[in-house]
Amino acid sequence: EMAEQEARWKESYDLLLGENEKLKSSGAEALLAAQWRHRYEACLKEKEDAITNWNMEKEKVVELQDSRKKVDAGKYESRYRDLKE
């Protein structure tokens, strides 16, 4: 997985390096604006996806905690009664 991440970083770096070379050679402000807009939209989508995934995982944790409490409640009640007797 680390090698895959490193390959993605290299690919992104090479892409960015190429874009920067184009900008330096042409001086196109419109291209620069489009590049930043694309980056912004990609980051915004990543953020929204991360928030969605985080909320889903948070709901799973709450459900697991609730189910665990229900399982434990009956088990410990019977243990308590056994000890009390």
N, C-alpha and C. Protein backbone atom coordinates (compact mmCIF):
# COMPACT_ATOMS: atom_id res chain seq x y z
N GLU A 1 0.82 -1.19 0.00
CA GLU A 1 0.00 0.00 0.00
C GLU A 1 0.87 1.26 0.00
N MET A 2 1.98 1.22 0.72
CA MET A 2 2.88 2.37 0.74
C MET A 2 3.45 2.63 -0.65
N ALA A 3 3.77 1.55 -1.37
CA ALA A 3 4.32 1.71 -2.71
C ALA A 3 3.28 2.32 -3.65
N GLU A 4 2.02 1.92 -3.47
CA GLU A 4 0.94 2.49 -4.29
C GLU A 4 0.78 3.98 -4.00
N GLN A 5 0.83 4.33 -2.72
CA GLN A 5 0.70 5.74 -2.35
C GLN A 5 1.87 6.55 -2.91
N GLU A 6 3.06 5.99 -2.83
CA GLU A 6 4.24 6.67 -3.37
C GLU A 6 4.10 6.86 -4.88
N ALA A 7 3.56 5.85 -5.57
CA ALA A 7 3.36 5.96 -7.02
C ALA A 7 2.34 7.05 -7.34
N ARG A 8 1.27 7.15 -6.52
CA ARG A 8 0.28 8.22 -6.74
C ARG A 8 0.91 9.59 -6.52
N TRP A 9 1.75 9.70 -5.47
CA TRP A 9 2.42 10.98 -5.22
C TRP A 9 3.34 11.35 -6.38
N LYS A 10 4.07 10.37 -6.91
CA LYS A 10 4.97 10.64 -8.03
C LYS A 10 4.18 11.08 -9.25
N GLU A 11 3.06 10.40 -9.50
CA GLU A 11 2.22 10.76 -10.65
C GLU A 11 1.68 12.19 -10.49
N SER A 12 1.21 12.51 -9.29
CA SER A 12 0.70 13.87 -9.04
C SER A 12 1.81 14.91 -9.17
N TYR A 13 2.98 14.57 -8.67
CA TYR A 13 4.12 15.48 -8.76
C TYR A 13 4.49 15.73 -10.22
N ASP A 14 4.58 14.65 -11.01
CA ASP A 14 4.93 14.80 -12.42
C ASP A 14 3.90 15.63 -13.17
N LEU A 15 2.61 15.41 -12.85
CA LEU A 15 1.55 16.18 -13.48
C LEU A 15 1.67 17.67 -13.12
N LEU A 16 1.88 17.94 -11.85
CA LEU A 16 2.02 19.32 -11.39
C LEU A 16 3.25 19.99 -12.00
N LEU A 17 4.34 19.26 -12.07
CA LEU A 17 5.57 19.79 -12.66
C LEU A 17 5.33 20.16 -14.13
N GLY A 18 4.64 19.30 -14.85
CA GLY A 18 4.32 19.59 -16.25
C GLY A 18 3.44 20.81 -16.40
N GLU A 19 2.43 20.91 -15.53
CA GLU A 19 1.54 22.07 -15.57
C GLU A 19 2.29 23.35 -15.27
N ASN A 20 3.18 23.30 -14.30
CA ASN A 20 3.96 24.50 -13.95
C ASN A 20 4.87 24.91 -15.11
N GLU A 21 5.46 23.95 -15.79
CA GLU A 21 6.30 24.27 -16.95
C GLU A 21 5.48 24.93 -18.05
N LYS A 22 4.27 24.44 -18.27
CA LYS A 22 3.39 25.06 -19.28
C LYS A 22 3.09 26.51 -18.90
N LEU A 23 2.80 26.72 -17.61
CA LEU A 23 2.47 28.06 -17.16
C LEU A 23 3.66 29.01 -17.30
N LYS A 24 4.84 28.53 -16.97
CA LYS A 24 6.02 29.37 -17.08
C LYS A 24 6.32 29.72 -18.52
N SER A 25 6.09 28.79 -19.42
CA SER A 25 6.43 29.04 -20.82
C SER A 25 5.38 29.89 -21.51
N SER A 26 4.11 29.71 -21.17
CA SER A 26 3.07 30.45 -21.89
C SER A 26 2.61 31.70 -21.16
N GLY A 27 2.73 31.70 -19.82
CA GLY A 27 2.27 32.85 -19.06
C GLY A 27 0.76 33.00 -19.06
N ALA A 28 0.06 31.91 -19.30
CA ALA A 28 -1.39 31.97 -19.42
C ALA A 28 -2.07 32.03 -18.05
N GLU A 29 -2.65 33.18 -17.74
CA GLU A 29 -3.34 33.32 -16.46
C GLU A 29 -4.61 32.50 -16.42
N ALA A 30 -5.27 32.34 -17.56
CA ALA A 30 -6.49 31.54 -17.60
C ALA A 30 -6.20 30.08 -17.27
N LEU A 31 -5.08 29.59 -17.75
CA LEU A 31 -4.69 28.22 -17.47
C LEU A 31 -4.40 28.05 -15.98
N LEU A 32 -3.75 29.02 -15.40
CA LEU A 32 -3.46 28.99 -13.97
C LEU A 32 -4.75 28.99 -13.16
N ALA A 33 -5.69 29.85 -13.55
CA ALA A 33 -6.97 29.91 -12.85
C ALA A 33 -7.71 28.58 -12.96
N ALA A 34 -7.70 27.98 -14.14
CA ALA A 34 -8.37 26.69 -14.34
C ALA A 34 -7.71 25.60 -13.50
N GLN A 35 -6.39 25.65 -13.42
CA GLN A 35 -5.65 24.67 -12.63
C GLN A 35 -6.05 24.77 -11.15
N TRP A 36 -6.09 25.97 -10.63
CA TRP A 36 -6.45 26.15 -9.23
C TRP A 36 -7.91 25.80 -8.97
N ARG A 37 -8.76 26.11 -9.93
CA ARG A 37 -10.19 25.75 -9.79
C ARG A 37 -10.32 24.23 -9.72
N HIS A 38 -9.59 23.53 -10.60
CA HIS A 38 -9.63 22.06 -10.62
C HIS A 38 -9.14 21.51 -9.28
N ARG A 39 -8.06 22.06 -8.76
CA ARG A 39 -7.52 21.61 -7.47
C ARG A 39 -8.52 21.86 -6.34
N TYR A 40 -9.13 23.02 -6.37
CA TYR A 40 -10.12 23.37 -5.34
C TYR A 40 -11.29 22.38 -5.37
N GLU A 41 -11.81 22.11 -6.55
CA GLU A 41 -12.95 21.20 -6.67
C GLU A 41 -12.56 19.78 -6.24
N ALA A 42 -11.36 19.35 -6.57
CA ALA A 42 -10.90 18.02 -6.16
C ALA A 42 -10.77 17.95 -4.64
N CYS A 43 -10.21 18.98 -4.04
CA CYS A 43 -10.07 19.01 -2.58
C CYS A 43 -11.43 19.05 -1.89
N LEU A 44 -12.34 19.83 -2.44
CA LEU A 44 -13.67 19.92 -1.86
C LEU A 44 -14.38 18.57 -1.90
N LYS A 45 -14.25 17.86 -3.02
CA LYS A 45 -14.86 16.53 -3.13
C LYS A 45 -14.22 15.56 -2.14
N GLU A 46 -12.90 15.61 -2.01
CA GLU A 46 -12.22 14.74 -1.04
C GLU A 46 -12.70 15.03 0.38
N LYS A 47 -12.87 16.31 0.68
CA LYS A 47 -13.34 16.69 2.02
C LYS A 47 -14.74 16.16 2.26
N GLU A 48 -15.64 16.34 1.28
CA GLU A 48 -17.01 15.86 1.43
C GLU A 48 -17.04 14.34 1.58
N ASP A 49 -16.22 13.64 0.79
CA ASP A 49 -16.15 12.18 0.89
C ASP A 49 -15.64 11.75 2.27
N ALA A 50 -14.63 12.44 2.76
CA ALA A 50 -14.07 12.12 4.07
C ALA A 50 -15.10 12.35 5.18
N ILE A 51 -15.84 13.43 5.09
CA ILE A 51 -16.86 13.71 6.09
C ILE A 51 -17.96 12.66 6.05
N THR A 52 -18.37 12.28 4.84
CA THR A 52 -19.39 11.24 4.69
C THR A 52 -18.92 9.93 5.28
N ASN A 53 -17.69 9.53 4.96
CA ASN A 53 -17.14 8.28 5.49
C ASN A 53 -17.01 8.34 7.00
N TRP A 54 -16.57 9.47 7.52
CA TRP A 54 -16.42 9.63 8.96
C TRP A 54 -17.77 9.50 9.66
N ASN A 55 -18.80 10.13 9.10
CA ASN A 55 -20.13 10.05 9.70
C ASN A 55 -20.67 8.62 9.66
N MET A 56 -20.42 7.90 8.57
CA MET A 56 -20.87 6.51 8.48
C MET A 56 -20.17 5.65 9.53
N GLU A 57 -18.86 5.85 9.69
CA GLU A 57 -18.11 5.08 10.69
C GLU A 57 -18.57 5.44 12.10
N LYS A 58 -18.87 6.71 12.32
CA LYS A 58 -19.34 7.14 13.63
C LYS A 58 -20.68 6.47 13.96
N GLU A 59 -21.56 6.37 12.96
CA GLU A 59 -22.85 5.70 13.17
C GLU A 59 -22.64 4.22 13.48
N LYS A 60 -21.69 3.59 12.79
CA LYS A 60 -21.40 2.18 13.06
C LYS A 60 -20.94 1.98 14.50
N VAL A 61 -20.08 2.89 14.97
CA VAL A 61 -19.57 2.79 16.34
C VAL A 61 -20.71 2.93 17.34
N VAL A 62 -21.59 3.88 17.11
CA VAL A 62 -22.72 4.08 18.02
C VAL A 62 -23.62 2.84 18.03
N GLU A 63 -23.87 2.27 16.84
CA GLU A 63 -24.69 1.06 16.77
C GLU A 63 -24.02 -0.09 17.51
N LEU A 64 -22.72 -0.25 17.34
CA LEU A 64 -22.00 -1.32 18.03
C LEU A 64 -22.04 -1.11 19.55
N GLN A 65 -21.87 0.13 19.97
CA GLN A 65 -21.91 0.42 21.40
C GLN A 65 -23.29 0.11 21.98
N ASP A 66 -24.33 0.49 21.25
CA ASP A 66 -25.70 0.23 21.71
C ASP A 66 -25.98 -1.26 21.79
N SER A 67 -25.56 -2.00 20.77
CA SER A 67 -25.81 -3.44 20.78
C SER A 67 -24.99 -4.12 21.87
N ARG A 68 -23.78 -3.62 22.11
CA ARG A 68 -22.94 -4.18 23.16
C ARG A 68 -23.55 -3.94 24.53
N LYS A 69 -24.12 -2.76 24.72
CA LYS A 69 -24.77 -2.44 25.99
C LYS A 69 -25.95 -3.37 26.24
N LYS A 70 -26.72 -3.64 25.17
CA LYS A 70 -27.87 -4.53 25.31
C LYS A 70 -27.44 -5.94 25.67
N VAL A 71 -26.39 -6.42 25.03
CA VAL A 71 -25.88 -7.77 25.31
C VAL A 71 -25.34 -7.83 26.73
N ASP A 72 -24.56 -6.84 27.10
CA ASP A 72 -23.93 -6.82 28.41
C ASP A 72 -24.96 -6.63 29.53
N ALA A 73 -26.01 -5.88 29.26
CA ALA A 73 -26.99 -5.57 30.31
C ALA A 73 -27.59 -6.84 30.89
N GLY A 74 -28.05 -7.72 30.06
CA GLY A 74 -28.66 -8.95 30.56
C GLY A 74 -27.64 -9.86 31.20
N LYS A 75 -26.46 -9.91 30.65
CA LYS A 75 -25.41 -10.79 31.16
C LYS A 75 -24.99 -10.38 32.56
N TYR A 76 -24.76 -9.11 32.76
CA TYR A 76 -24.30 -8.64 34.06
C TYR A 76 -25.42 -8.61 35.10
N GLU A 77 -26.62 -8.44 34.64
CA GLU A 77 -27.74 -8.49 35.58
C GLU A 77 -27.85 -9.89 36.18
N SER A 78 -27.74 -10.90 35.34
CA SER A 78 -27.84 -12.27 35.85
C SER A 78 -26.63 -12.60 36.73
N ARG A 79 -25.46 -12.11 36.39
CA ARG A 79 -24.27 -12.33 37.22
C ARG A 79 -24.44 -11.65 38.58
N TYR A 80 -25.00 -10.44 38.55
CA TYR A 80 -25.22 -9.70 39.78
C TYR A 80 -26.18 -10.47 40.68
N ARG A 81 -27.26 -10.96 40.10
CA ARG A 81 -28.25 -11.70 40.89
C ARG A 81 -27.64 -12.99 41.45
N ASP A 82 -26.80 -13.65 40.66
CA ASP A 82 -26.14 -14.87 41.13
C ASP A 82 -25.23 -14.56 42.31
N LEU A 83 -24.48 -13.46 42.22
CA LEU A 83 -23.59 -13.09 43.32
C LEU A 83 -24.37 -12.70 44.58
N LYS A 84 -25.48 -12.05 44.34
CA LYS A 84 -26.28 -11.56 45.47
C LYS A 84 -26.87 -12.72 46.26
N GLU A 85 -27.15 -13.82 45.59
CA GLU A 85 -27.77 -14.96 46.27
C GLU A 85 -26.83 -15.73 47.05
